[in-house]
Amino acid sequence: MSRWIRYNPNPKGRRVGDCAIRACCKATGKTWNEVFDSLVNIAYMQKDVLSANSVWGQYLRDNGYVRVEPDYPMDIYKFCVNFPEGTYVLCCGDHAVTAVDGYFYDTWDSSEKRIVYYWERE
């Protein structure tokens, strides 16, 4: 059974390496433009790039999320099976995706990506 739901909040429907923006949109319910603007401000303050884990991590912290290290290795699919309730932002090293109530939202089926850490709402 697939746990993937196609999701792309980019206003022009582009797939432009904006996974952190897309994930933050789904996690917070804010628009792509709102998240982008917030990340630009954080990146400016940190003197880092918009897609840096520390930048979007700060955005998630500011929106009530805490970072969690998984107890055991798992991919996105297994995470969704094991966490059927709640909203989580999953970090897979070079990719970020949001899981909500056992399904993950992305522009492509990234279910086999291994999770390094995840964010959950406090």
N, C-alpha and C. Protein backbone atom coordinates (compact mmCIF):
# COMPACT_ATOMS: atom_id res chain seq x y z
N MET A 1 0.83 -1.18 0.00
CA MET A 1 0.00 0.00 0.00
C MET A 1 0.87 1.25 0.00
N SER A 2 0.62 2.14 -0.89
CA SER A 2 1.39 3.37 -0.98
C SER A 2 1.02 4.32 0.15
N ARG A 3 2.00 4.98 0.69
CA ARG A 3 1.80 5.99 1.73
C ARG A 3 2.07 7.40 1.19
N TRP A 4 2.29 7.50 -0.12
CA TRP A 4 2.67 8.76 -0.76
C TRP A 4 1.45 9.49 -1.31
N ILE A 5 1.39 10.79 -1.03
CA ILE A 5 0.38 11.67 -1.61
C ILE A 5 1.12 12.79 -2.34
N ARG A 6 0.84 12.93 -3.62
CA ARG A 6 1.51 13.97 -4.41
C ARG A 6 1.14 15.34 -3.85
N TYR A 7 2.17 16.17 -3.64
CA TYR A 7 1.97 17.48 -3.02
C TYR A 7 3.02 18.44 -3.55
N ASN A 8 2.59 19.56 -4.09
CA ASN A 8 3.52 20.58 -4.55
C ASN A 8 2.88 21.96 -4.41
N PRO A 9 3.16 22.64 -3.29
CA PRO A 9 2.58 23.96 -3.07
C PRO A 9 3.28 25.09 -3.82
N ASN A 10 4.33 24.77 -4.59
CA ASN A 10 5.02 25.81 -5.36
C ASN A 10 4.01 26.52 -6.25
N PRO A 11 3.88 27.85 -6.17
CA PRO A 11 2.85 28.58 -6.90
C PRO A 11 2.92 28.40 -8.42
N LYS A 12 4.09 28.05 -8.93
CA LYS A 12 4.22 27.82 -10.37
C LYS A 12 4.32 26.33 -10.69
N GLY A 13 4.12 25.49 -9.68
CA GLY A 13 4.16 24.05 -9.88
C GLY A 13 5.55 23.51 -10.20
N ARG A 14 6.57 24.27 -9.91
CA ARG A 14 7.93 23.86 -10.23
C ARG A 14 8.47 22.88 -9.19
N ARG A 15 9.39 22.05 -9.64
CA ARG A 15 10.16 21.17 -8.75
C ARG A 15 11.58 21.68 -8.81
N VAL A 16 11.93 22.55 -7.88
CA VAL A 16 13.17 23.31 -7.99
C VAL A 16 14.11 23.12 -6.80
N GLY A 17 14.13 21.94 -6.24
CA GLY A 17 15.00 21.73 -5.08
C GLY A 17 14.50 22.46 -3.85
N ASP A 18 13.19 22.62 -3.76
CA ASP A 18 12.59 23.36 -2.66
C ASP A 18 11.91 22.45 -1.63
N CYS A 19 12.46 21.27 -1.43
CA CYS A 19 11.81 20.30 -0.54
C CYS A 19 11.62 20.83 0.87
N ALA A 20 12.58 21.60 1.40
CA ALA A 20 12.44 22.13 2.75
C ALA A 20 11.27 23.11 2.82
N ILE A 21 11.10 23.91 1.79
CA ILE A 21 9.97 24.85 1.75
C ILE A 21 8.66 24.07 1.69
N ARG A 22 8.59 23.08 0.79
CA ARG A 22 7.37 22.28 0.66
C ARG A 22 7.03 21.59 1.98
N ALA A 23 8.04 21.00 2.62
CA ALA A 23 7.81 20.29 3.88
C ALA A 23 7.31 21.24 4.96
N CYS A 24 7.90 22.43 5.03
CA CYS A 24 7.47 23.41 6.03
C CYS A 24 6.07 23.92 5.73
N CYS A 25 5.72 24.04 4.46
CA CYS A 25 4.35 24.44 4.09
C CYS A 25 3.34 23.45 4.64
N LYS A 26 3.57 22.19 4.38
CA LYS A 26 2.63 21.15 4.82
C LYS A 26 2.57 21.08 6.34
N ALA A 27 3.72 21.23 7.00
CA ALA A 27 3.78 21.11 8.45
C ALA A 27 3.10 22.28 9.17
N THR A 28 3.12 23.46 8.56
CA THR A 28 2.59 24.65 9.24
C THR A 28 1.29 25.17 8.64
N GLY A 29 0.92 24.69 7.45
CA GLY A 29 -0.28 25.18 6.80
C GLY A 29 -0.12 26.54 6.16
N LYS A 30 1.12 27.00 6.04
CA LYS A 30 1.39 28.30 5.43
C LYS A 30 1.69 28.12 3.94
N THR A 31 1.56 29.20 3.19
CA THR A 31 1.80 29.14 1.75
C THR A 31 3.29 29.05 1.45
N TRP A 32 3.59 28.66 0.23
CA TRP A 32 4.97 28.58 -0.23
C TRP A 32 5.65 29.94 -0.08
N ASN A 33 4.96 31.00 -0.48
CA ASN A 33 5.54 32.35 -0.39
C ASN A 33 5.79 32.76 1.06
N GLU A 34 4.86 32.45 1.96
CA GLU A 34 5.05 32.79 3.37
C GLU A 34 6.25 32.07 3.96
N VAL A 35 6.37 30.78 3.68
CA VAL A 35 7.50 30.00 4.19
C VAL A 35 8.80 30.49 3.57
N PHE A 36 8.80 30.73 2.27
CA PHE A 36 10.00 31.22 1.59
C PHE A 36 10.49 32.51 2.24
N ASP A 37 9.58 33.47 2.44
CA ASP A 37 9.96 34.75 3.04
C ASP A 37 10.54 34.56 4.44
N SER A 38 9.93 33.69 5.24
CA SER A 38 10.44 33.43 6.59
C SER A 38 11.82 32.80 6.54
N LEU A 39 12.01 31.84 5.64
CA LEU A 39 13.32 31.18 5.53
C LEU A 39 14.39 32.15 5.05
N VAL A 40 14.03 33.06 4.16
CA VAL A 40 15.00 34.07 3.70
C VAL A 40 15.47 34.91 4.88
N ASN A 41 14.54 35.31 5.74
CA ASN A 41 14.91 36.12 6.91
C ASN A 41 15.82 35.34 7.86
N ILE A 42 15.49 34.08 8.10
CA ILE A 42 16.33 33.26 8.98
C ILE A 42 17.71 33.05 8.35
N ALA A 43 17.73 32.75 7.06
CA ALA A 43 19.01 32.54 6.37
C ALA A 43 19.87 33.80 6.44
N TYR A 44 19.24 34.95 6.29
CA TYR A 44 19.97 36.22 6.37
C TYR A 44 20.58 36.40 7.75
N MET A 45 19.79 36.12 8.79
CA MET A 45 20.28 36.27 10.17
C MET A 45 21.41 35.28 10.46
N GLN A 46 21.29 34.06 9.92
CA GLN A 46 22.32 33.03 10.17
C GLN A 46 23.50 33.15 9.21
N LYS A 47 23.34 33.96 8.17
CA LYS A 47 24.37 34.07 7.12
C LYS A 47 24.64 32.70 6.50
N ASP A 48 23.54 32.04 6.15
CA ASP A 48 23.60 30.69 5.57
C ASP A 48 22.65 30.64 4.38
N VAL A 49 22.63 29.53 3.68
CA VAL A 49 21.75 29.38 2.53
C VAL A 49 20.36 28.96 2.98
N LEU A 50 19.39 29.27 2.18
CA LEU A 50 17.98 29.02 2.47
C LEU A 50 17.69 27.55 2.77
N SER A 51 18.36 26.64 2.08
CA SER A 51 18.08 25.21 2.23
C SER A 51 18.89 24.52 3.33
N ALA A 52 19.69 25.28 4.07
CA ALA A 52 20.49 24.67 5.14
C ALA A 52 19.59 24.08 6.22
N ASN A 53 19.96 22.92 6.71
CA ASN A 53 19.16 22.27 7.76
C ASN A 53 18.97 23.19 8.97
N SER A 54 19.98 23.98 9.29
CA SER A 54 19.86 24.88 10.44
C SER A 54 18.83 25.98 10.20
N VAL A 55 18.66 26.38 8.94
CA VAL A 55 17.71 27.45 8.61
C VAL A 55 16.28 26.94 8.74
N TRP A 56 15.95 25.87 8.02
CA TRP A 56 14.57 25.39 8.12
C TRP A 56 14.31 24.72 9.46
N GLY A 57 15.37 24.24 10.12
CA GLY A 57 15.21 23.72 11.48
C GLY A 57 14.80 24.83 12.44
N GLN A 58 15.40 26.00 12.31
CA GLN A 58 15.01 27.14 13.14
C GLN A 58 13.56 27.53 12.87
N TYR A 59 13.17 27.49 11.61
CA TYR A 59 11.78 27.80 11.24
C TYR A 59 10.82 26.84 11.94
N LEU A 60 11.15 25.55 11.92
CA LEU A 60 10.29 24.57 12.58
C LEU A 60 10.26 24.78 14.09
N ARG A 61 11.42 25.06 14.69
CA ARG A 61 11.46 25.35 16.14
C ARG A 61 10.57 26.54 16.46
N ASP A 62 10.65 27.57 15.63
CA ASP A 62 9.83 28.77 15.84
C ASP A 62 8.34 28.48 15.70
N ASN A 63 8.01 27.37 15.05
CA ASN A 63 6.61 26.99 14.84
C ASN A 63 6.18 25.80 15.71
N GLY A 64 6.92 25.57 16.80
CA GLY A 64 6.49 24.58 17.80
C GLY A 64 6.93 23.15 17.59
N TYR A 65 7.96 22.94 16.77
CA TYR A 65 8.46 21.58 16.53
C TYR A 65 9.75 21.35 17.30
N VAL A 66 9.99 20.09 17.67
CA VAL A 66 11.23 19.69 18.32
C VAL A 66 11.88 18.59 17.49
N ARG A 67 13.20 18.59 17.50
CA ARG A 67 13.96 17.60 16.73
C ARG A 67 14.11 16.32 17.54
N VAL A 68 13.94 15.18 16.85
CA VAL A 68 14.01 13.87 17.50
C VAL A 68 14.93 12.96 16.66
N GLU A 69 15.78 12.23 17.35
CA GLU A 69 16.61 11.21 16.71
C GLU A 69 15.85 9.89 16.78
N PRO A 70 15.69 9.18 15.66
CA PRO A 70 14.95 7.91 15.71
C PRO A 70 15.69 6.86 16.55
N ASP A 71 14.91 5.99 17.19
CA ASP A 71 15.48 4.92 18.02
C ASP A 71 16.10 3.80 17.20
N TYR A 72 15.65 3.67 15.96
CA TYR A 72 16.13 2.60 15.10
C TYR A 72 16.05 3.09 13.64
N PRO A 73 16.85 2.51 12.74
CA PRO A 73 16.83 2.97 11.35
C PRO A 73 15.51 2.63 10.66
N MET A 74 15.04 3.57 9.86
CA MET A 74 13.83 3.32 9.08
C MET A 74 13.77 4.27 7.90
N ASP A 75 13.04 3.85 6.89
CA ASP A 75 12.82 4.71 5.74
C ASP A 75 11.49 5.43 5.93
N ILE A 76 11.15 6.30 4.98
CA ILE A 76 9.92 7.10 5.09
C ILE A 76 8.69 6.20 5.17
N TYR A 77 8.65 5.18 4.33
CA TYR A 77 7.49 4.27 4.34
C TYR A 77 7.29 3.65 5.72
N LYS A 78 8.37 3.10 6.30
CA LYS A 78 8.27 2.45 7.62
C LYS A 78 7.90 3.46 8.69
N PHE A 79 8.41 4.70 8.56
CA PHE A 79 8.05 5.73 9.52
C PHE A 79 6.54 5.95 9.50
N CYS A 80 5.98 6.08 8.32
CA CYS A 80 4.54 6.31 8.19
C CYS A 80 3.71 5.17 8.78
N VAL A 81 4.18 3.94 8.61
CA VAL A 81 3.49 2.79 9.19
C VAL A 81 3.57 2.83 10.72
N ASN A 82 4.75 3.20 11.24
CA ASN A 82 4.97 3.19 12.68
C ASN A 82 4.42 4.43 13.41
N PHE A 83 4.16 5.50 12.66
CA PHE A 83 3.65 6.74 13.26
C PHE A 83 2.37 7.15 12.51
N PRO A 84 1.27 6.45 12.76
CA PRO A 84 0.04 6.68 12.00
C PRO A 84 -0.74 7.93 12.40
N GLU A 85 -0.31 8.61 13.45
CA GLU A 85 -1.00 9.82 13.88
C GLU A 85 0.00 10.93 14.14
N GLY A 86 -0.36 12.15 13.79
CA GLY A 86 0.48 13.31 14.05
C GLY A 86 1.11 13.86 12.79
N THR A 87 1.79 14.99 12.97
CA THR A 87 2.48 15.67 11.87
C THR A 87 3.97 15.70 12.17
N TYR A 88 4.78 15.27 11.20
CA TYR A 88 6.22 15.16 11.36
C TYR A 88 6.92 15.67 10.11
N VAL A 89 8.06 16.32 10.29
CA VAL A 89 8.91 16.67 9.16
C VAL A 89 10.12 15.75 9.24
N LEU A 90 10.33 14.99 8.17
CA LEU A 90 11.38 13.97 8.14
C LEU A 90 12.58 14.50 7.37
N CYS A 91 13.76 14.37 7.96
CA CYS A 91 14.99 14.78 7.29
C CYS A 91 15.74 13.53 6.85
N CYS A 92 16.03 13.48 5.57
CA CYS A 92 16.72 12.31 4.99
C CYS A 92 18.08 12.73 4.45
N GLY A 93 18.78 13.59 5.15
CA GLY A 93 20.08 14.08 4.70
C GLY A 93 19.91 15.20 3.70
N ASP A 94 19.72 14.83 2.45
CA ASP A 94 19.59 15.84 1.39
C ASP A 94 18.15 16.05 0.96
N HIS A 95 17.20 15.56 1.73
CA HIS A 95 15.79 15.68 1.37
C HIS A 95 14.95 15.84 2.63
N ALA A 96 13.86 16.59 2.50
CA ALA A 96 12.92 16.78 3.61
C ALA A 96 11.51 16.56 3.09
N VAL A 97 10.68 15.97 3.94
CA VAL A 97 9.31 15.66 3.56
C VAL A 97 8.45 15.66 4.83
N THR A 98 7.18 15.97 4.67
CA THR A 98 6.28 15.96 5.83
C THR A 98 5.36 14.76 5.78
N ALA A 99 5.21 14.11 6.94
CA ALA A 99 4.27 13.00 7.10
C ALA A 99 3.14 13.47 8.01
N VAL A 100 1.92 13.17 7.60
CA VAL A 100 0.74 13.53 8.38
C VAL A 100 -0.16 12.30 8.47
N ASP A 101 -0.42 11.88 9.70
CA ASP A 101 -1.32 10.76 9.96
C ASP A 101 -1.05 9.53 9.09
N GLY A 102 0.24 9.16 9.01
CA GLY A 102 0.62 7.93 8.33
C GLY A 102 0.83 8.02 6.83
N TYR A 103 0.77 9.22 6.26
CA TYR A 103 1.01 9.44 4.84
C TYR A 103 2.03 10.55 4.67
N PHE A 104 2.84 10.47 3.61
CA PHE A 104 3.80 11.53 3.39
C PHE A 104 3.48 12.28 2.10
N TYR A 105 3.81 13.56 2.12
CA TYR A 105 3.44 14.49 1.06
C TYR A 105 4.71 14.97 0.37
N ASP A 106 4.80 14.71 -0.94
CA ASP A 106 6.01 15.04 -1.68
C ASP A 106 5.67 15.14 -3.16
N THR A 107 6.61 15.67 -3.94
CA THR A 107 6.41 15.76 -5.38
C THR A 107 6.74 14.44 -6.07
N TRP A 108 7.37 13.54 -5.36
CA TRP A 108 7.76 12.23 -5.91
C TRP A 108 7.72 11.19 -4.79
N ASP A 109 7.71 9.93 -5.18
CA ASP A 109 7.65 8.85 -4.21
C ASP A 109 9.04 8.62 -3.61
N SER A 110 9.28 9.26 -2.49
CA SER A 110 10.58 9.18 -1.81
C SER A 110 10.54 8.18 -0.64
N SER A 111 9.62 7.23 -0.70
CA SER A 111 9.37 6.31 0.42
C SER A 111 10.58 5.50 0.86
N GLU A 112 11.56 5.29 -0.02
CA GLU A 112 12.72 4.47 0.34
C GLU A 112 13.87 5.28 0.94
N LYS A 113 13.72 6.60 1.02
CA LYS A 113 14.77 7.43 1.62
C LYS A 113 14.87 7.13 3.11
N ARG A 114 16.09 7.02 3.62
CA ARG A 114 16.34 6.72 5.03
C ARG A 114 16.27 7.99 5.87
N ILE A 115 15.60 7.92 6.98
CA ILE A 115 15.43 9.07 7.87
C ILE A 115 16.65 9.21 8.78
N VAL A 116 17.20 10.42 8.83
CA VAL A 116 18.32 10.73 9.71
C VAL A 116 17.80 11.26 11.05
N TYR A 117 16.83 12.16 10.98
CA TYR A 117 16.13 12.67 12.15
C TYR A 117 14.79 13.21 11.72
N TYR A 118 13.93 13.54 12.67
CA TYR A 118 12.64 14.11 12.31
C TYR A 118 12.24 15.17 13.33
N TRP A 119 11.28 15.97 12.92
CA TRP A 119 10.73 17.02 13.76
C TRP A 119 9.29 16.66 14.08
N GLU A 120 8.90 16.85 15.32
CA GLU A 120 7.50 16.64 15.69
C GLU A 120 7.01 17.85 16.48
N ARG A 121 5.71 18.09 16.37
CA ARG A 121 5.14 19.23 17.09
C ARG A 121 5.09 18.91 18.57
N GLU A 122 5.48 19.89 19.40
CA GLU A 122 5.48 19.72 20.86
C GLU A 122 4.06 19.55 21.37
